[in-house]
C-alpha atoms as a PDB file:
ATOM      1  CA  MET A   1     -23.284  55.969  11.669  1.00  0.00           C
ATOM      2  CA  SER A   2     -25.228  53.084  10.179  1.00  0.00           C
ATOM      3  CA  ASN A   3     -23.627  50.271   8.245  1.00  0.00           C
ATOM      4  CA  GLU A   4     -25.437  51.515   5.156  1.00  0.00           C
ATOM      5  CA  GLN A   5     -23.841  54.967   5.454  1.00  0.00           C
ATOM      6  CA  LEU A   6     -20.409  53.405   6.005  1.00  0.00           C
ATOM      7  CA  ASP A   7     -20.817  51.187   2.956  1.00  0.00           C
ATOM      8  CA  GLN A   8     -21.813  54.194   0.852  1.00  0.00           C
ATOM      9  CA  LEU A   9     -18.725  56.149   1.955  1.00  0.00           C
ATOM     10  CA  ARG A  10     -16.471  53.185   1.266  1.00  0.00           C
ATOM     11  CA  GLU A  11     -18.001  52.779  -2.163  1.00  0.00           C
ATOM     12  CA  LYS A  12     -17.267  56.438  -2.892  1.00  0.00           C
ATOM     13  CA  LEU A  13     -13.665  55.941  -1.726  1.00  0.00           C
ATOM     14  CA  ASP A  14     -13.321  52.893  -3.957  1.00  0.00           C
ATOM     15  CA  ASN A  15     -14.612  54.861  -6.935  1.00  0.00           C
ATOM     16  CA  ILE A  16     -12.229  57.736  -6.221  1.00  0.00           C
ATOM     17  CA  ASN A  17      -9.338  55.261  -5.892  1.00  0.00           C
ATOM     18  CA  LEU A  18     -10.173  53.885  -9.321  1.00  0.00           C
ATOM     19  CA  GLU A  19     -10.399  57.403 -10.758  1.00  0.00           C
ATOM     20  CA  ILE A  20      -6.984  58.237  -9.255  1.00  0.00           C
ATOM     21  CA  LEU A  21      -5.579  54.995 -10.683  1.00  0.00           C
ATOM     22  CA  ASP A  22      -6.922  55.848 -14.119  1.00  0.00           C
ATOM     23  CA  LEU A  23      -5.478  59.375 -13.955  1.00  0.00           C
ATOM     24  CA  VAL A  24      -2.085  58.106 -12.724  1.00  0.00           C
ATOM     25  CA  ASN A  25      -1.930  55.655 -15.635  1.00  0.00           C
ATOM     26  CA  GLN A  26      -2.997  58.372 -18.083  1.00  0.00           C
ATOM     27  CA  ARG A  27      -0.187  60.519 -16.705  1.00  0.00           C
ATOM     28  CA  ALA A  28       2.250  57.623 -17.114  1.00  0.00           C
ATOM     29  CA  GLU A  29       1.358  57.292 -20.800  1.00  0.00           C
ATOM     30  CA  LEU A  30       1.940  61.026 -21.277  1.00  0.00           C
ATOM     31  CA  VAL A  31       5.301  60.743 -19.499  1.00  0.00           C
ATOM     32  CA  LYS A  32       6.341  57.915 -21.844  1.00  0.00           C
ATOM     33  CA  GLU A  33       5.224  59.936 -24.863  1.00  0.00           C
ATOM     34  CA  THR A  34       7.158  62.966 -23.577  1.00  0.00           C
ATOM     35  CA  GLY A  35      10.285  60.828 -23.256  1.00  0.00           C
ATOM     36  CA  GLN A  36       9.898  59.549 -26.811  1.00  0.00           C
ATOM     37  CA  VAL A  37       9.525  63.094 -28.157  1.00  0.00           C
ATOM     38  CA  LYS A  38      12.623  64.206 -26.218  1.00  0.00           C
ATOM     39  CA  GLU A  39      14.598  61.288 -27.626  1.00  0.00           C
ATOM     40  CA  LYS A  40      13.606  62.144 -31.196  1.00  0.00           C
ATOM     41  CA  GLN A  41      14.663  65.742 -30.593  1.00  0.00           C
ATOM     42  CA  GLY A  42      17.958  64.635 -29.052  1.00  0.00           C
ATOM     43  CA  ALA A  43      17.008  66.322 -25.781  1.00  0.00           C
ATOM     44  CA  ASN A  44      18.108  65.165 -22.335  1.00  0.00           C
ATOM     45  CA  ARG A  45      15.667  62.652 -20.842  1.00  0.00           C
ATOM     46  CA  ASN A  46      17.149  62.896 -17.358  1.00  0.00           C
ATOM     47  CA  TYR A  47      15.690  64.394 -14.198  1.00  0.00           C
ATOM     48  CA  ASP A  48      14.857  68.104 -14.595  1.00  0.00           C
ATOM     49  CA  PRO A  49      14.687  69.772 -11.143  1.00  0.00           C
ATOM     50  CA  VAL A  50      13.413  73.080 -12.572  1.00  0.00           C
ATOM     51  CA  ARG A  51      10.479  71.376 -14.281  1.00  0.00           C
ATOM     52  CA  GLU A  52       9.712  69.432 -11.093  1.00  0.00           C
ATOM     53  CA  ARG A  53       9.775  72.617  -9.020  1.00  0.00           C
ATOM     54  CA  ASP A  54       7.376  74.345 -11.432  1.00  0.00           C
ATOM     55  CA  MET A  55       4.933  71.421 -11.291  1.00  0.00           C
ATOM     56  CA  LEU A  56       5.031  71.269  -7.492  1.00  0.00           C
ATOM     57  CA  ASP A  57       4.513  75.040  -7.208  1.00  0.00           C
ATOM     58  CA  LEU A  58       1.431  74.801  -9.421  1.00  0.00           C
ATOM     59  CA  ILE A  59       0.041  71.868  -7.431  1.00  0.00           C
ATOM     60  CA  THR A  60       0.571  73.424  -3.986  1.00  0.00           C
ATOM     61  CA  LYS A  61      -0.873  76.729  -5.209  1.00  0.00           C
ATOM     62  CA  HIS A  62      -4.163  74.927  -5.886  1.00  0.00           C
ATOM     63  CA  ASN A  63      -4.103  72.791  -2.746  1.00  0.00           C
ATOM     64  CA  ASP A  64      -7.106  73.702  -0.592  1.00  0.00           C
ATOM     65  CA  GLY A  65      -6.520  70.955   1.994  1.00  0.00           C
ATOM     66  CA  PRO A  66      -7.092  69.096   4.161  1.00  0.00           C
ATOM     67  CA  PHE A  67      -3.603  67.730   3.347  1.00  0.00           C
ATOM     68  CA  GLU A  68      -0.630  69.936   4.202  1.00  0.00           C
ATOM     69  CA  ASN A  69       1.497  71.063   1.254  1.00  0.00           C
ATOM     70  CA  SER A  70       4.386  68.937   2.539  1.00  0.00           C
ATOM     71  CA  THR A  71       2.227  65.815   2.283  1.00  0.00           C
ATOM     72  CA  ILE A  72       1.077  66.715  -1.220  1.00  0.00           C
ATOM     73  CA  VAL A  73       4.678  67.377  -2.309  1.00  0.00           C
ATOM     74  CA  HIS A  74       5.764  63.987  -0.949  1.00  0.00           C
ATOM     75  CA  LEU A  75       2.955  62.156  -2.778  1.00  0.00           C
ATOM     76  CA  PHE A  76       3.603  63.857  -6.102  1.00  0.00           C
ATOM     77  CA  LYS A  77       7.373  63.423  -5.872  1.00  0.00           C
ATOM     78  CA  GLU A  78       6.783  59.677  -5.694  1.00  0.00           C
ATOM     79  CA  ILE A  79       4.563  59.891  -8.783  1.00  0.00           C
ATOM     80  CA  PHE A  80       7.222  61.942 -10.609  1.00  0.00           C
ATOM     81  CA  LYS A  81       9.929  59.459  -9.621  1.00  0.00           C
ATOM     82  CA  ALA A  82       7.867  56.541 -10.919  1.00  0.00           C
ATOM     83  CA  GLY A  83       7.370  58.405 -14.195  1.00  0.00           C
ATOM     84  CA  LEU A  84      11.117  58.935 -14.639  1.00  0.00           C
ATOM     85  CA  GLU A  85      11.761  55.249 -13.957  1.00  0.00           C
ATOM     86  CA  LEU A  86       9.165  54.419 -16.601  1.00  0.00           C
ATOM     87  CA  GLN A  87      10.999  56.636 -19.114  1.00  0.00           C
ATOM     88  CA  GLU A  88      14.333  55.005 -18.269  1.00  0.00           C
ATOM     89  CA  ASP A  89      12.827  51.530 -18.566  1.00  0.00           C
ATOM     90  CA  ASP A  90      11.329  52.459 -21.927  1.00  0.00           C
ATOM     91  CA  HIS A  91      14.728  53.753 -23.074  1.00  0.00           C
ATOM     92  CA  SER A  92      16.628  50.643 -21.934  1.00  0.00           C
ATOM     93  CA  LYS A  93      14.200  48.397 -23.805  1.00  0.00           C
ATOM     94  CA  ALA A  94      15.147  50.216 -26.992  1.00  0.00           C
ATOM     95  CA  LEU A  95      18.911  49.659 -26.602  1.00  0.00           C
ATOM     96  CA  LEU A  96      20.306  46.937 -28.838  1.00  0.00           C
ATOM     97  CA  VAL A  97      22.657  45.786 -26.061  1.00  0.00           C
ATOM     98  CA  SER A  98      19.854  45.592 -23.490  1.00  0.00           C
ATOM     99  CA  ARG A  99      18.781  42.240 -22.103  1.00  0.00           C
ATOM    100  CA  LYS A 100      15.217  43.507 -22.406  1.00  0.00           C
ATOM    101  CA  LYS A 101      15.789  43.712 -26.148  1.00  0.00           C
ATOM    102  CA  LYS A 102      17.525  40.314 -26.345  1.00  0.00           C
ATOM    103  CA  PRO A 103      16.934  38.044 -23.328  1.00  0.00           C
ATOM    104  CA  GLU A 104      19.396  35.330 -24.357  1.00  0.00           C
ATOM    105  CA  ASP A 105      23.155  35.686 -23.801  1.00  0.00           C
ATOM    106  CA  THR A 106      25.346  36.748 -26.695  1.00  0.00           C
ATOM    107  CA  VAL A 107      28.068  34.166 -27.322  1.00  0.00           C
ATOM    108  CA  ILE A 108      31.139  35.311 -29.258  1.00  0.00           C
ATOM    109  CA  GLU A 109      33.387  32.655 -30.771  1.00  0.00           C
ATOM    110  CA  ILE A 110      37.062  33.551 -31.137  1.00  0.00           C
ATOM    111  CA  ASN A 111      39.516  30.850 -32.202  1.00  0.00           C
ATOM    112  CA  GLY A 112      37.426  28.071 -30.691  1.00  0.00           C
ATOM    113  CA  GLU A 113      36.685  29.927 -27.448  1.00  0.00           C
ATOM    114  CA  LYS A 114      33.068  30.915 -26.901  1.00  0.00           C
ATOM    115  CA  PHE A 115      32.893  33.985 -24.703  1.00  0.00           C
ATOM    116  CA  GLY A 116      29.546  34.113 -22.931  1.00  0.00           C
ATOM    117  CA  ASP A 117      28.890  30.355 -22.981  1.00  0.00           C
ATOM    118  CA  GLY A 118      28.996  30.037 -19.193  1.00  0.00           C
ATOM    119  CA  ASP A 119      32.593  28.804 -18.969  1.00  0.00           C
ATOM    120  CA  PRO A 120      35.474  31.064 -17.853  1.00  0.00           C
ATOM    121  CA  HIS A 121      37.818  32.350 -20.556  1.00  0.00           C
ATOM    122  CA  PHE A 122      41.179  34.068 -20.256  1.00  0.00           C
ATOM    123  CA  ILE A 123      43.247  36.644 -22.115  1.00  0.00           C
ATOM    124  CA  PHE A 124      46.898  37.092 -21.149  1.00  0.00           C
ATOM    125  CA  GLY A 125      49.872  38.899 -22.618  1.00  0.00           C
ATOM    126  CA  PRO A 126      52.314  41.751 -22.085  1.00  0.00           C
ATOM    127  CA  CYS A 127      51.192  45.302 -21.447  1.00  0.00           C
ATOM    128  CA  SER A 128      53.287  46.499 -24.398  1.00  0.00           C
ATOM    129  CA  VAL A 129      54.776  44.722 -27.380  1.00  0.00           C
ATOM    130  CA  GLU A 130      58.507  45.385 -27.022  1.00  0.00           C
ATOM    131  CA  SER A 131      60.149  42.731 -29.216  1.00  0.00           C
ATOM    132  CA  TYR A 132      59.469  39.471 -31.012  1.00  0.00           C
ATOM    133  CA  ASP A 133      61.377  37.423 -28.414  1.00  0.00           C
ATOM    134  CA  GLN A 134      59.471  39.008 -25.526  1.00  0.00           C
ATOM    135  CA  VAL A 135      56.036  38.257 -27.008  1.00  0.00           C
ATOM    136  CA  ALA A 136      57.089  34.787 -28.192  1.00  0.00           C
ATOM    137  CA  GLU A 137      58.112  33.791 -24.675  1.00  0.00           C
ATOM    138  CA  VAL A 138      54.727  34.860 -23.319  1.00  0.00           C
ATOM    139  CA  ALA A 139      52.906  33.177 -26.222  1.00  0.00           C
ATOM    140  CA  LYS A 140      54.632  29.890 -25.429  1.00  0.00           C
ATOM    141  CA  ALA A 141      53.458  30.100 -21.801  1.00  0.00           C
ATOM    142  CA  VAL A 142      49.913  31.017 -22.848  1.00  0.00           C
ATOM    143  CA  LYS A 143      49.843  28.071 -25.246  1.00  0.00           C
ATOM    144  CA  GLU A 144      51.118  25.715 -22.536  1.00  0.00           C
ATOM    145  CA  GLN A 145      48.133  26.682 -20.398  1.00  0.00           C
ATOM    146  CA  GLY A 146      45.786  25.705 -23.226  1.00  0.00           C
ATOM    147  CA  PHE A 147      44.590  29.203 -24.070  1.00  0.00           C
ATOM    148  CA  HIS A 148      43.890  30.550 -27.535  1.00  0.00           C
ATOM    149  CA  LEU A 149      44.204  34.332 -27.215  1.00  0.00           C
ATOM    150  CA  ILE A 150      47.064  36.705 -26.498  1.00  0.00           C
ATOM    151  CA  ARG A 151      46.935  40.411 -25.766  1.00  0.00           C
ATOM    152  CA  GLY A 152      49.607  43.013 -26.382  1.00  0.00           C
ATOM    153  CA  GLY A 153      49.710  46.780 -26.735  1.00  0.00           C
ATOM    154  CA  ALA A 154      51.131  48.209 -29.957  1.00  0.00           C
ATOM    155  CA  PHE A 155      49.502  51.632 -29.537  1.00  0.00           C
ATOM    156  CA  LYS A 156      49.808  52.860 -25.956  1.00  0.00           C
ATOM    157  CA  PRO A 157      47.824  55.922 -24.826  1.00  0.00           C
ATOM    158  CA  ARG A 158      49.842  56.968 -21.766  1.00  0.00           C
ATOM    159  CA  THR A 159      49.232  59.599 -19.113  1.00  0.00           C
ATOM    160  CA  SER A 160      52.559  61.271 -19.871  1.00  0.00           C
ATOM    161  CA  PRO A 161      53.539  62.151 -23.453  1.00  0.00           C
ATOM    162  CA  TYR A 162      57.120  61.175 -22.547  1.00  0.00           C
ATOM    163  CA  ASP A 163      56.281  57.575 -21.609  1.00  0.00           C
ATOM    164  CA  PHE A 164      56.673  54.710 -24.088  1.00  0.00           C
ATOM    165  CA  GLN A 165      53.851  55.019 -26.621  1.00  0.00           C
ATOM    166  CA  GLY A 166      54.188  51.598 -28.249  1.00  0.00           C
ATOM    167  CA  LEU A 167      55.698  50.309 -31.486  1.00  0.00           C
ATOM    168  CA  GLY A 168      52.595  51.027 -33.558  1.00  0.00           C
ATOM    169  CA  PHE A 169      52.211  48.930 -36.685  1.00  0.00           C
ATOM    170  CA  GLU A 170      55.611  47.349 -36.097  1.00  0.00           C
ATOM    171  CA  GLY A 171      54.127  45.949 -32.900  1.00  0.00           C
ATOM    172  CA  LEU A 172      51.083  44.677 -34.772  1.00  0.00           C
ATOM    173  CA  GLU A 173      53.369  42.914 -37.248  1.00  0.00           C
ATOM    174  CA  ILE A 174      55.081  41.138 -34.344  1.00  0.00           C
ATOM    175  CA  LEU A 175      51.702  40.094 -32.948  1.00  0.00           C
ATOM    176  CA  LYS A 176      50.634  38.798 -36.358  1.00  0.00           C
ATOM    177  CA  GLN A 177      53.809  36.735 -36.667  1.00  0.00           C
ATOM    178  CA  ILE A 178      53.251  35.303 -33.183  1.00  0.00           C
ATOM    179  CA  SER A 179      49.630  34.560 -34.085  1.00  0.00           C
ATOM    180  CA  ASN A 180      50.682  32.568 -37.138  1.00  0.00           C
ATOM    181  CA  GLU A 181      53.418  30.644 -35.329  1.00  0.00           C
ATOM    182  CA  TYR A 182      51.522  29.778 -32.145  1.00  0.00           C
ATOM    183  CA  GLY A 183      47.936  29.625 -33.410  1.00  0.00           C
ATOM    184  CA  LEU A 184      46.805  32.375 -31.056  1.00  0.00           C
ATOM    185  CA  SER A 185      44.205  35.046 -31.753  1.00  0.00           C
ATOM    186  CA  VAL A 186      45.394  38.593 -31.111  1.00  0.00           C
ATOM    187  CA  VAL A 187      43.702  41.200 -28.920  1.00  0.00           C
ATOM    188  CA  SER A 188      45.200  44.675 -29.281  1.00  0.00           C
ATOM    189  CA  GLU A 189      44.126  48.237 -28.661  1.00  0.00           C
ATOM    190  CA  ILE A 190      43.453  50.684 -31.474  1.00  0.00           C
ATOM    191  CA  VAL A 191      43.326  54.374 -30.577  1.00  0.00           C
ATOM    192  CA  ASN A 192      42.787  56.088 -33.928  1.00  0.00           C
ATOM    193  CA  PRO A 193      39.667  55.497 -36.067  1.00  0.00           C
ATOM    194  CA  ALA A 194      41.826  55.931 -39.177  1.00  0.00           C
ATOM    195  CA  HIS A 195      43.878  52.855 -38.181  1.00  0.00           C
ATOM    196  CA  ILE A 196      40.937  50.469 -37.800  1.00  0.00           C
ATOM    197  CA  GLU A 197      40.827  49.212 -41.378  1.00  0.00           C
ATOM    198  CA  GLU A 198      44.575  48.593 -41.673  1.00  0.00           C
ATOM    199  CA  ALA A 199      44.865  47.126 -38.169  1.00  0.00           C
ATOM    200  CA  ALA A 200      42.122  44.606 -38.955  1.00  0.00           C
ATOM    201  CA  ASP A 201      44.648  42.698 -41.076  1.00  0.00           C
ATOM    202  CA  TYR A 202      46.802  42.071 -37.997  1.00  0.00           C
ATOM    203  CA  ILE A 203      44.416  41.511 -35.102  1.00  0.00           C
ATOM    204  CA  ASP A 204      41.410  39.334 -34.318  1.00  0.00           C
ATOM    205  CA  VAL A 205      39.827  41.407 -31.542  1.00  0.00           C
ATOM    206  CA  ILE A 206      39.785  45.205 -31.432  1.00  0.00           C
ATOM    207  CA  GLN A 207      40.374  46.503 -27.929  1.00  0.00           C
ATOM    208  CA  ILE A 208      39.059  49.948 -27.052  1.00  0.00           C
ATOM    209  CA  GLY A 209      40.785  51.111 -23.902  1.00  0.00           C
ATOM    210  CA  ALA A 210      39.492  52.994 -20.893  1.00  0.00           C
ATOM    211  CA  ARG A 211      40.752  56.362 -22.125  1.00  0.00           C
ATOM    212  CA  ASN A 212      38.875  55.893 -25.403  1.00  0.00           C
ATOM    213  CA  MET A 213      35.612  54.484 -24.072  1.00  0.00           C
ATOM    214  CA  GLN A 214      33.849  57.682 -25.128  1.00  0.00           C
ATOM    215  CA  ASN A 215      35.854  58.294 -28.296  1.00  0.00           C
ATOM    216  CA  PHE A 216      32.640  58.110 -30.273  1.00  0.00           C
ATOM    217  CA  GLU A 217      34.235  58.176 -33.710  1.00  0.00           C
ATOM    218  CA  LEU A 218      36.427  55.226 -32.702  1.00  0.00           C
ATOM    219  CA  LEU A 219      33.396  53.357 -31.335  1.00  0.00           C
ATOM    220  CA  LYS A 220      31.496  53.906 -34.574  1.00  0.00           C
ATOM    221  CA  ALA A 221      34.483  52.840 -36.672  1.00  0.00           C
ATOM    222  CA  ALA A 222      34.808  49.624 -34.644  1.00  0.00           C
ATOM    223  CA  GLY A 223      31.090  49.069 -35.097  1.00  0.00           C
ATOM    224  CA  GLU A 224      31.502  49.095 -38.865  1.00  0.00           C
ATOM    225  CA  THR A 225      33.944  46.154 -38.803  1.00  0.00           C
ATOM    226  CA  ASN A 226      33.229  42.447 -38.494  1.00  0.00           C
ATOM    227  CA  LYS A 227      35.810  42.043 -35.724  1.00  0.00           C
ATOM    228  CA  PRO A 228      34.814  41.360 -32.108  1.00  0.00           C
ATOM    229  CA  VAL A 229      35.390  44.369 -29.868  1.00  0.00           C
ATOM    230  CA  LEU A 230      36.670  44.249 -26.294  1.00  0.00           C
ATOM    231  CA  LEU A 231      35.428  47.479 -24.724  1.00  0.00           C
ATOM    232  CA  LYS A 232      36.975  48.617 -21.449  1.00  0.00           C
ATOM    233  CA  ARG A 233      35.097  50.760 -18.971  1.00  0.00           C
ATOM    234  CA  GLY A 234      36.353  54.322 -18.679  1.00  0.00           C
ATOM    235  CA  MET A 235      38.093  55.171 -15.433  1.00  0.00           C
ATOM    236  CA  SER A 236      35.377  57.677 -14.465  1.00  0.00           C
ATOM    237  CA  ALA A 237      32.471  56.142 -16.374  1.00  0.00           C
ATOM    238  CA  THR A 238      29.177  55.152 -14.815  1.00  0.00           C
ATOM    239  CA  ILE A 239      27.655  51.828 -15.780  1.00  0.00           C
ATOM    240  CA  SER A 240      25.104  53.720 -17.875  1.00  0.00           C
ATOM    241  CA  ASP A 241      27.949  55.511 -19.710  1.00  0.00           C
ATOM    242  CA  PHE A 242      29.599  52.140 -20.314  1.00  0.00           C
ATOM    243  CA  ILE A 243      26.439  50.532 -21.685  1.00  0.00           C
ATOM    244  CA  ASN A 244      25.788  53.465 -24.005  1.00  0.00           C
ATOM    245  CA  ALA A 245      29.371  53.269 -25.304  1.00  0.00           C
ATOM    246  CA  ALA A 246      28.682  49.644 -26.244  1.00  0.00           C
ATOM    247  CA  GLU A 247      25.469  50.784 -27.913  1.00  0.00           C
ATOM    248  CA  TYR A 248      27.499  53.072 -30.204  1.00  0.00           C
ATOM    249  CA  ILE A 249      29.335  49.995 -31.499  1.00  0.00           C
ATOM    250  CA  ASN A 250      26.211  47.872 -31.820  1.00  0.00           C
ATOM    251  CA  SER A 251      24.267  50.669 -33.525  1.00  0.00           C
ATOM    252  CA  LYS A 252      26.692  50.441 -36.457  1.00  0.00           C
ATOM    253  CA  GLY A 253      25.982  46.752 -36.959  1.00  0.00           C
ATOM    254  CA  ASN A 254      28.618  44.988 -34.851  1.00  0.00           C
ATOM    255  CA  GLY A 255      27.068  43.162 -31.899  1.00  0.00           C
ATOM    256  CA  ASP A 256      30.157  41.091 -31.021  1.00  0.00           C
ATOM    257  CA  ILE A 257      31.129  43.125 -27.970  1.00  0.00           C
ATOM    258  CA  ILE A 258      32.872  41.956 -24.805  1.00  0.00           C
ATOM    259  CA  LEU A 259      32.559  44.365 -21.883  1.00  0.00           C
ATOM    260  CA  CYS A 260      35.595  44.644 -19.621  1.00  0.00           C
ATOM    261  CA  GLU A 261      35.476  46.051 -16.094  1.00  0.00           C
ATOM    262  CA  ARG A 262      38.970  47.396 -15.329  1.00  0.00           C
ATOM    263  CA  GLY A 263      38.430  49.444 -12.199  1.00  0.00           C
ATOM    264  CA  ILE A 264      37.346  53.027 -11.697  1.00  0.00           C
ATOM    265  CA  ARG A 265      39.177  55.988 -10.225  1.00  0.00           C
ATOM    266  CA  THR A 266      38.259  56.797  -6.626  1.00  0.00           C
ATOM    267  CA  TYR A 267      39.978  58.472  -3.685  1.00  0.00           C
ATOM    268  CA  GLU A 268      41.504  55.119  -2.635  1.00  0.00           C
ATOM    269  CA  LYS A 269      45.282  54.926  -3.139  1.00  0.00           C
ATOM    270  CA  ALA A 270      45.940  51.361  -1.944  1.00  0.00           C
ATOM    271  CA  THR A 271      45.269  50.082  -5.461  1.00  0.00           C
ATOM    272  CA  ARG A 272      45.828  51.622  -8.877  1.00  0.00           C
ATOM    273  CA  ASN A 273      42.066  51.769  -9.431  1.00  0.00           C
ATOM    274  CA  THR A 274      39.070  50.499  -7.479  1.00  0.00           C
ATOM    275  CA  LEU A 275      37.660  47.262  -8.870  1.00  0.00           C
ATOM    276  CA  ASP A 276      33.889  47.716  -9.114  1.00  0.00           C
ATOM    277  CA  ILE A 277      33.138  44.029  -8.692  1.00  0.00           C
ATOM    278  CA  THR A 278      29.378  44.645  -8.488  1.00  0.00           C
ATOM    279  CA  ALA A 279      29.492  46.000 -12.038  1.00  0.00           C
ATOM    280  CA  VAL A 280      29.782  42.409 -13.273  1.00  0.00           C
ATOM    281  CA  PRO A 281      26.322  41.159 -12.190  1.00  0.00           C
ATOM    282  CA  ILE A 282      24.755  44.527 -13.020  1.00  0.00           C
ATOM    283  CA  LEU A 283      26.138  44.423 -16.567  1.00  0.00           C
ATOM    284  CA  LYS A 284      25.029  40.792 -16.877  1.00  0.00           C
ATOM    285  CA  GLN A 285      21.517  41.793 -15.799  1.00  0.00           C
ATOM    286  CA  GLU A 286      21.279  44.933 -17.912  1.00  0.00           C
ATOM    287  CA  THR A 287      22.923  43.606 -21.099  1.00  0.00           C
ATOM    288  CA  HIS A 288      23.228  40.312 -22.948  1.00  0.00           C
ATOM    289  CA  LEU A 289      26.961  40.811 -23.593  1.00  0.00           C
ATOM    290  CA  PRO A 290      29.869  38.803 -22.133  1.00  0.00           C
ATOM    291  CA  VAL A 291      31.649  40.548 -19.250  1.00  0.00           C
ATOM    292  CA  MET A 292      35.335  40.186 -18.389  1.00  0.00           C
ATOM    293  CA  VAL A 293      37.444  41.658 -15.591  1.00  0.00           C
ATOM    294  CA  ASP A 294      40.933  43.083 -16.102  1.00  0.00           C
ATOM    295  CA  VAL A 295      42.562  42.294 -12.768  1.00  0.00           C
ATOM    296  CA  THR A 296      45.859  43.938 -13.712  1.00  0.00           C
ATOM    297  CA  HIS A 297      44.682  47.498 -14.292  1.00  0.00           C
ATOM    298  CA  SER A 298      41.979  47.371 -11.635  1.00  0.00           C
ATOM    299  CA  THR A 299      44.438  46.523  -8.859  1.00  0.00           C
ATOM    300  CA  GLY A 300      47.854  47.548 -10.166  1.00  0.00           C
ATOM    301  CA  ARG A 301      49.310  45.067  -7.688  1.00  0.00           C
ATOM    302  CA  ARG A 302      50.748  41.675  -8.508  1.00  0.00           C
ATOM    303  CA  ASP A 303      49.831  40.333  -5.048  1.00  0.00           C
ATOM    304  CA  LEU A 304      46.132  41.077  -5.619  1.00  0.00           C
ATOM    305  CA  LEU A 305      45.747  39.500  -9.061  1.00  0.00           C
ATOM    306  CA  LEU A 306      44.733  36.056  -7.802  1.00  0.00           C
ATOM    307  CA  PRO A 307      42.113  37.129  -5.211  1.00  0.00           C
ATOM    308  CA  ALA A 308      40.677  39.649  -7.679  1.00  0.00           C
ATOM    309  CA  ALA A 309      40.430  36.958 -10.375  1.00  0.00           C
ATOM    310  CA  LYS A 310      38.740  34.551  -7.956  1.00  0.00           C
ATOM    311  CA  ALA A 311      36.273  37.256  -6.949  1.00  0.00           C
ATOM    312  CA  ALA A 312      35.526  38.080 -10.592  1.00  0.00           C
ATOM    313  CA  LEU A 313      34.749  34.480 -11.508  1.00  0.00           C
ATOM    314  CA  ALA A 314      32.795  33.905  -8.291  1.00  0.00           C
ATOM    315  CA  ILE A 315      30.486  36.838  -9.004  1.00  0.00           C
ATOM    316  CA  GLY A 316      29.771  35.679 -12.555  1.00  0.00           C
ATOM    317  CA  ALA A 317      32.361  37.182 -14.906  1.00  0.00           C
ATOM    318  CA  ASP A 318      32.773  35.389 -18.226  1.00  0.00           C
ATOM    319  CA  GLY A 319      36.526  35.682 -18.031  1.00  0.00           C
ATOM    320  CA  VAL A 320      39.651  37.348 -16.719  1.00  0.00           C
ATOM    321  CA  MET A 321      42.333  39.435 -18.408  1.00  0.00           C
ATOM    322  CA  ALA A 322      45.817  39.951 -16.952  1.00  0.00           C
ATOM    323  CA  GLU A 323      49.303  40.966 -18.055  1.00  0.00           C
ATOM    324  CA  VAL A 324      52.335  38.686 -18.318  1.00  0.00           C
ATOM    325  CA  HIS A 325      55.937  39.674 -19.131  1.00  0.00           C
ATOM    326  CA  PRO A 326      59.118  37.541 -19.234  1.00  0.00           C
ATOM    327  CA  ASP A 327      60.944  40.066 -17.031  1.00  0.00           C
ATOM    328  CA  PRO A 328      58.592  42.698 -15.548  1.00  0.00           C
ATOM    329  CA  ALA A 329      61.473  44.589 -13.916  1.00  0.00           C
ATOM    330  CA  VAL A 330      62.655  45.810 -17.332  1.00  0.00           C
ATOM    331  CA  ALA A 331      59.208  46.238 -18.915  1.00  0.00           C
ATOM    332  CA  LEU A 332      58.721  49.500 -20.797  1.00  0.00           C
ATOM    333  CA  SER A 333      55.298  50.006 -19.200  1.00  0.00           C
ATOM    334  CA  ASP A 334      53.466  48.956 -16.018  1.00  0.00           C
ATOM    335  CA  SER A 335      56.330  46.860 -14.653  1.00  0.00           C
ATOM    336  CA  ALA A 336      54.945  46.661 -11.099  1.00  0.00           C
ATOM    337  CA  GLN A 337      51.698  44.950 -12.045  1.00  0.00           C
ATOM    338  CA  GLN A 338      52.747  42.334 -14.613  1.00  0.00           C
ATOM    339  CA  MET A 339      53.364  38.685 -13.723  1.00  0.00           C
ATOM    340  CA  ASP A 340      56.525  36.927 -14.803  1.00  0.00           C
ATOM    341  CA  ILE A 341      56.054  33.541 -16.436  1.00  0.00           C
ATOM    342  CA  PRO A 342      56.601  31.301 -13.365  1.00  0.00           C
ATOM    343  CA  THR A 343      54.162  33.506 -11.432  1.00  0.00           C
ATOM    344  CA  PHE A 344      51.680  33.220 -14.302  1.00  0.00           C
ATOM    345  CA  HIS A 345      51.800  29.412 -14.204  1.00  0.00           C
ATOM    346  CA  GLN A 346      51.364  29.480 -10.410  1.00  0.00           C
ATOM    347  CA  PHE A 347      48.501  31.955 -10.799  1.00  0.00           C
ATOM    348  CA  MET A 348      46.645  29.585 -13.112  1.00  0.00           C
ATOM    349  CA  GLU A 349      47.342  26.570 -10.909  1.00  0.00           C
ATOM    350  CA  ASN A 350      45.849  28.358  -7.897  1.00  0.00           C
ATOM    351  CA  LEU A 351      42.929  29.775  -9.885  1.00  0.00           C
ATOM    352  CA  ARG A 352      41.957  26.311 -11.108  1.00  0.00           C
ATOM    353  CA  LYS A 353      41.885  24.788  -7.620  1.00  0.00           C
END
């Protein structure tokens, strides 16, 4: 074969490559348009194995070689996969919480603390509000450490209906009194959308707990307030589920959202939950929102609070949340995982080293 013949064949191959490229890009535009139509119709944009099978059957039916059908299937599966990724990328760009939508970090100021500013921030307090004296003792310790927020559960969604369910609005009144006396901002969970408006008079940050991460009416109600929202990841939620839960809040106008990784439920029994530490950098990459780690609920073990907190801060978390009780042995909820006050002070001393 002469060089001239070889050059002619190569030129034909180059032209075909460019034609294939043009067709692949045309297909990509159609895939994006299909995804947009599905979204408008409220249809599922996810992988559809039946549709893929139908397309592959049609393609292999018209395959006259020389490639084997298995080779053709492999090539087109890669094209299909790239198309799905393009749809997902297009969808994530549209999310208000997406970093693609807003490249700069969201910084949320609460009582002088700026969550998301690059410095670590902390939220401590009892699992449940039990009495004024109990919360006051914790508030004093929190204040001594130089912190400006306190957490406490007034409404407690528990696994068993016979467990302590919290003091309700009486608990919020105690938190409000503590807030006024100690100059601390209050973080507390709300479980009923109907309580949001009234509870806003008592608290500074609305917490939405793991069991309510996909309580969509509650998310929307929180999104209609001007209060920052601390949103905990559901115990069986994927990161995508978590991000879309935050989007529910933001879609109603409230972009002051702090994401909180609190462990997910796996087969492991050594800890209460399994701390998904890699969720922190993923959430920081995918969203512009501050990310905290609840080391109490993720581990359920007092002896693991410090290493978990160190790991959280080392991997880029914006802060740590943990529970403190004057006398955990008599706590009405989660006694095994709360720190007493001397342990809390030691915890902070070691964490600051």
